[in-house]
């Protein structure tokens, strides 16, 4: 064998060893999107089955004695059932959170009702977060590219503060605040903590309404769901949101201060 042919053989061997093994094809799109597809299917089923029409103040009024007896006779089952219904409703993004929160106050009182609602709402929110993170995160980053990465970086630096503000002030729908952090790469620890702390004030307000629901029913009245937007309620919540943003403001102030060139 000549020297030239030997070198060619060596190069061929190197190429063969360096060439990566052919990878299996990418997962079909449905294998990535199935968690979101399941939630959407559940949402469609709930709408078509008339769940939203069934859950109303009239239903609570007509069944309040049954609910009270259920809580009294089967305290553990009543808590598990309520929390399961609440978590599923949040996971399916059904617009009945305020009604269920009031029902929680009606069934369990202010303190226990607040605890059960916060835990169940957080569980439902985590389901949406995980489904969106698994199904849509890679797709969103592949399509949006650098734009989404810049948003991700800015949000991730103060994710907890931003999440608390979004949870405290009821401007954006609850389902949207479950979805966006998953697409912006917020860590699940920050998501859970921000959700728990951020929803406590609003939950407490609606649970307190539910605690007095029986008296309202006796008067032939129904609660005002817009009560949280009244100044006496909303002002303290906005104050908490401002406090939550103080770490963000402090970081920005320090950055700007460090950018100012020294005169020395």
Protein backbone atom coordinates (compact mmCIF):
# COMPACT_ATOMS: atom_id res chain seq x y z
CA UNK A 1 0.00 0.00 0.00
CA UNK A 2 1.39 3.40 -0.93
CA UNK A 3 1.80 6.26 1.54
CA UNK A 4 -0.88 8.32 -0.26
CA UNK A 5 -3.47 5.56 -0.12
CA UNK A 6 -2.66 4.96 3.54
CA UNK A 7 -3.31 8.65 4.36
CA UNK A 8 -6.57 8.56 2.42
CA UNK A 9 -7.61 5.47 4.33
CA UNK A 10 -6.81 7.18 7.63
CA UNK A 11 -8.86 10.27 6.67
CA UNK A 12 -11.76 8.06 5.68
CA UNK A 13 -11.60 6.29 9.04
CA UNK A 14 -11.54 9.61 10.91
CA UNK A 15 -14.55 10.90 9.01
CA UNK A 16 -16.44 7.73 9.71
CA UNK A 17 -15.68 7.96 13.44
CA UNK A 18 -16.45 11.69 13.65
CA UNK A 19 -19.69 11.54 11.70
CA UNK A 20 -22.53 11.43 14.24
CA UNK A 21 -24.88 8.54 14.13
CA UNK A 22 -28.10 9.35 12.39
CA UNK A 23 -30.64 10.55 14.93
CA UNK A 24 -34.15 9.35 15.05
CA UNK A 25 -36.69 11.69 13.58
CA UNK A 26 -38.15 14.49 15.67
CA UNK A 27 -41.16 13.71 17.77
CA UNK A 28 -44.47 14.19 15.98
CA UNK A 29 -46.08 17.49 16.90
CA UNK A 30 -49.00 15.75 18.61
CA UNK A 31 -46.64 14.06 21.06
CA UNK A 32 -45.54 17.48 22.25
CA UNK A 33 -48.92 19.13 22.19
CA UNK A 34 -50.98 16.43 23.84
CA UNK A 35 -51.05 18.03 27.35
CA UNK A 36 -52.49 21.26 25.94
CA UNK A 37 -54.83 19.26 23.70
CA UNK A 38 -56.19 17.39 26.73
CA UNK A 39 -56.86 20.65 28.60
CA UNK A 40 -58.56 22.19 25.56
CA UNK A 41 -60.69 19.07 25.11
CA UNK A 42 -61.71 19.29 28.77
CA UNK A 43 -62.61 22.95 28.33
CA UNK A 44 -64.75 22.21 25.28
CA UNK A 45 -66.48 19.35 27.09
CA UNK A 46 -67.22 21.53 30.12
CA UNK A 47 -68.76 24.24 27.93
CA UNK A 48 -70.81 21.79 25.88
CA UNK A 49 -72.01 19.94 29.01
CA UNK A 50 -73.37 23.16 30.46
CA UNK A 51 -71.12 23.16 33.52
CA UNK A 52 -71.00 26.96 33.53
CA UNK A 53 -74.79 27.15 33.52
CA UNK A 54 -75.03 24.68 36.39
CA UNK A 55 -72.59 26.49 38.66
CA UNK A 56 -74.34 29.68 39.70
CA UNK A 57 -75.58 31.53 42.77
CA UNK A 58 -79.01 30.03 42.16
CA UNK A 59 -77.46 26.57 42.42
CA UNK A 60 -75.78 27.50 45.69
CA UNK A 61 -79.02 28.95 47.03
CA UNK A 62 -81.05 25.87 46.13
CA UNK A 63 -78.47 23.42 47.50
CA UNK A 64 -77.06 25.29 50.48
CA UNK A 65 -78.56 22.88 53.04
CA UNK A 66 -77.14 19.91 51.13
CA UNK A 67 -73.72 21.53 51.03
CA UNK A 68 -73.79 22.32 54.74
CA UNK A 69 -74.81 18.74 55.57
CA UNK A 70 -72.08 17.38 53.30
CA UNK A 71 -69.41 19.43 55.08
CA UNK A 72 -70.74 18.44 58.51
CA UNK A 73 -71.22 14.72 57.86
CA UNK A 74 -68.18 14.12 55.64
CA UNK A 75 -65.59 16.81 56.40
CA UNK A 76 -62.66 15.09 54.68
CA UNK A 77 -64.58 14.08 51.55
CA UNK A 78 -66.09 17.54 51.24
CA UNK A 79 -62.65 19.19 51.34
CA UNK A 80 -61.16 16.76 48.80
CA UNK A 81 -64.15 17.11 46.47
CA UNK A 82 -64.15 20.90 46.64
CA UNK A 83 -60.41 21.20 46.07
CA UNK A 84 -60.51 18.71 43.18
CA UNK A 85 -63.32 20.64 41.47
CA UNK A 86 -61.49 23.91 42.01
CA UNK A 87 -58.14 22.61 40.73
CA UNK A 88 -59.75 21.10 37.62
CA UNK A 89 -61.66 24.30 36.89
CA UNK A 90 -58.40 26.28 37.06
CA UNK A 91 -56.57 23.73 34.92
CA UNK A 92 -59.32 23.96 32.29
CA UNK A 93 -59.35 27.78 32.58
CA UNK A 94 -63.08 27.87 33.33
CA UNK A 95 -64.28 31.38 34.24
CA UNK A 96 -65.85 30.33 37.53
CA UNK A 97 -63.01 31.01 39.96
CA UNK A 98 -64.78 33.84 41.79
CA UNK A 99 -67.95 31.78 42.24
CA UNK A 100 -66.06 28.74 43.53
CA UNK A 101 -64.03 30.93 45.89
CA UNK A 102 -67.23 32.36 47.36
CA UNK A 103 -68.57 28.81 47.63
CA UNK A 104 -65.43 27.88 49.55
CA UNK A 105 -66.13 30.60 52.09
CA UNK A 106 -69.76 29.52 52.33
CA UNK A 107 -68.83 25.88 52.97
CA UNK A 108 -65.72 26.14 55.14
CA UNK A 109 -65.57 29.64 56.60
CA UNK A 110 -63.01 32.38 56.08
CA UNK A 111 -59.74 30.84 57.23
CA UNK A 112 -60.13 27.24 56.10
CA UNK A 113 -61.88 28.38 52.92
CA UNK A 114 -58.97 30.68 52.07
CA UNK A 115 -56.44 27.89 52.68
CA UNK A 116 -58.31 25.34 50.56
CA UNK A 117 -58.84 27.77 47.69
CA UNK A 118 -55.21 28.94 47.62
CA UNK A 119 -53.90 25.36 47.59
CA UNK A 120 -56.38 24.17 44.94
CA UNK A 121 -55.89 27.22 42.72
CA UNK A 122 -52.12 26.79 42.89
CA UNK A 123 -52.41 23.09 41.95
CA UNK A 124 -54.57 23.97 38.95
CA UNK A 125 -52.19 26.74 37.92
CA UNK A 126 -49.21 24.36 38.11
CA UNK A 127 -51.01 21.92 35.79
CA UNK A 128 -51.40 24.66 33.18
CA UNK A 129 -47.80 25.78 33.70
CA UNK A 130 -46.40 22.28 33.23
CA UNK A 131 -48.58 21.55 30.19
CA UNK A 132 -47.57 24.80 28.49
CA UNK A 133 -43.91 24.37 29.40
CA UNK A 134 -43.79 20.87 27.94
CA UNK A 135 -45.88 21.50 24.85
CA UNK A 136 -45.19 25.08 23.81
CA UNK A 137 -41.86 26.26 25.25
CA UNK A 138 -39.59 24.86 22.51
CA UNK A 139 -42.05 25.78 19.76
CA UNK A 140 -42.36 29.35 21.01
CA UNK A 141 -38.59 29.81 21.21
CA UNK A 142 -38.07 28.31 17.77
CA UNK A 143 -40.59 30.70 16.21
CA UNK A 144 -39.88 33.88 18.19
CA UNK A 145 -36.10 33.55 18.42
CA UNK A 146 -34.21 36.47 19.99
CA UNK A 147 -37.36 38.45 20.85
CA UNK A 148 -38.65 35.83 23.26
CA UNK A 149 -35.17 35.36 24.72
CA UNK A 150 -34.91 39.04 25.60
CA UNK A 151 -38.32 38.95 27.27
CA UNK A 152 -37.33 35.76 29.06
CA UNK A 153 -34.15 37.30 30.43
CA UNK A 154 -35.91 40.44 31.67
CA UNK A 155 -38.75 38.52 33.28
CA UNK A 156 -36.55 35.84 34.84
CA UNK A 157 -34.38 38.36 36.71
CA UNK A 158 -37.31 39.39 38.91
CA UNK A 159 -39.82 36.65 38.18
CA UNK A 160 -41.16 36.45 41.73
CA UNK A 161 -41.87 40.18 41.96
CA UNK A 162 -43.53 40.32 38.55
CA UNK A 163 -45.65 37.25 39.29
CA UNK A 164 -46.83 38.63 42.61
CA UNK A 165 -47.91 41.87 40.95
CA UNK A 166 -49.75 40.02 38.18
CA UNK A 167 -51.51 37.85 40.78
CA UNK A 168 -52.31 40.70 43.15
CA UNK A 169 -53.86 43.09 40.64
CA UNK A 170 -56.75 41.40 38.79
CA UNK A 171 -56.08 43.02 35.42
CA UNK A 172 -55.06 39.97 33.41
CA UNK A 173 -57.04 36.71 33.31
CA UNK A 174 -55.84 34.04 35.72
CA UNK A 175 -55.26 31.55 32.89
CA UNK A 176 -53.02 34.00 31.03
CA UNK A 177 -50.82 34.50 34.07
CA UNK A 178 -50.54 30.71 34.30
CA UNK A 179 -49.46 30.45 30.67
CA UNK A 180 -46.99 33.30 30.10
CA UNK A 181 -44.47 32.41 32.84
CA UNK A 182 -44.19 28.89 31.42
CA UNK A 183 -43.30 30.32 28.00
CA UNK A 184 -40.80 32.75 29.51
CA UNK A 185 -38.89 30.04 31.34
CA UNK A 186 -39.84 31.04 34.90
CA UNK A 187 -38.70 28.41 37.37
CA UNK A 188 -41.49 26.41 38.93
CA UNK A 189 -40.39 27.38 42.44
CA UNK A 190 -40.86 31.08 41.68
CA UNK A 191 -44.13 30.34 39.90
CA UNK A 192 -45.57 28.43 42.85
CA UNK A 193 -44.41 30.93 45.47
CA UNK A 194 -45.58 33.94 43.46
CA UNK A 195 -48.97 32.32 42.89
CA UNK A 196 -49.53 31.37 46.52
CA UNK A 197 -48.55 34.74 47.95
CA UNK A 198 -50.14 36.77 45.17
CA UNK A 199 -53.62 35.24 45.28
CA UNK A 200 -54.10 35.32 49.05
CA UNK A 201 -55.52 38.89 49.33
CA UNK A 202 -58.09 38.51 46.54
CA UNK A 203 -59.01 35.04 47.75
CA UNK A 204 -59.57 36.34 51.26
CA UNK A 205 -61.92 39.03 49.97
CA UNK A 206 -64.14 36.60 48.04
CA UNK A 207 -64.05 33.93 50.74
CA UNK A 208 -65.19 36.55 53.26
CA UNK A 209 -68.14 37.30 50.98
CA UNK A 210 -68.94 33.60 50.87
CA UNK A 211 -68.85 33.38 54.65
CA UNK A 212 -71.82 35.76 54.76
CA UNK A 213 -73.57 34.28 51.74
CA UNK A 214 -76.33 32.69 53.78
CA UNK A 215 -77.41 36.08 55.14
CA UNK A 216 -77.48 37.53 51.62
CA UNK A 217 -79.60 34.64 50.39
CA UNK A 218 -82.06 35.19 53.26
CA UNK A 219 -82.40 38.79 52.08
CA UNK A 220 -82.95 37.66 48.49
CA UNK A 221 -79.65 39.17 47.35
CA UNK A 222 -76.58 37.90 45.52
CA UNK A 223 -72.96 39.02 46.03
CA UNK A 224 -71.37 41.73 43.94
CA UNK A 225 -68.38 40.14 42.18
CA UNK A 226 -67.02 43.59 41.36
CA UNK A 227 -66.42 44.36 45.02
CA UNK A 228 -62.69 43.77 44.64
CA UNK A 229 -62.48 46.83 42.36
CA UNK A 230 -63.90 49.12 45.04
CA UNK A 231 -61.29 51.62 46.30
CA UNK A 232 -61.45 50.37 49.91
CA UNK A 233 -60.50 46.88 48.71
CA UNK A 234 -58.33 47.62 45.70
CA UNK A 235 -56.17 50.32 47.30
CA UNK A 236 -54.51 48.03 49.89
CA UNK A 237 -53.96 45.37 47.20
CA UNK A 238 -52.28 47.93 44.94
CA UNK A 239 -50.14 48.92 47.93
CA UNK A 240 -48.99 45.31 48.25
CA UNK A 241 -48.22 45.24 44.53
CA UNK A 242 -46.07 48.36 44.90
CA UNK A 243 -44.18 46.69 47.76
CA UNK A 244 -43.65 43.62 45.58
CA UNK A 245 -42.05 45.81 42.90
CA UNK A 246 -39.61 47.51 45.28
CA UNK A 247 -36.86 44.90 44.72
CA UNK A 248 -37.15 45.48 40.96
CA UNK A 249 -36.95 49.24 41.38
CA UNK A 250 -33.97 48.89 43.71
CA UNK A 251 -32.07 46.70 41.21
CA UNK A 252 -32.73 49.12 38.37
CA UNK A 253 -31.61 52.04 40.54
CA UNK A 254 -28.36 50.29 41.37
CA UNK A 255 -27.72 49.46 37.72
CA UNK A 256 -28.28 53.05 36.66
CA UNK A 257 -26.04 54.28 39.48
CA UNK A 258 -23.24 51.93 38.43
CA UNK A 259 -23.47 53.16 34.84
CA UNK A 260 -22.85 56.79 35.85
CA UNK A 261 -19.15 57.50 35.23
CA UNK A 262 -17.12 58.66 38.18
CA UNK A 263 -15.78 62.26 38.10
CA UNK A 264 -12.59 61.25 39.84
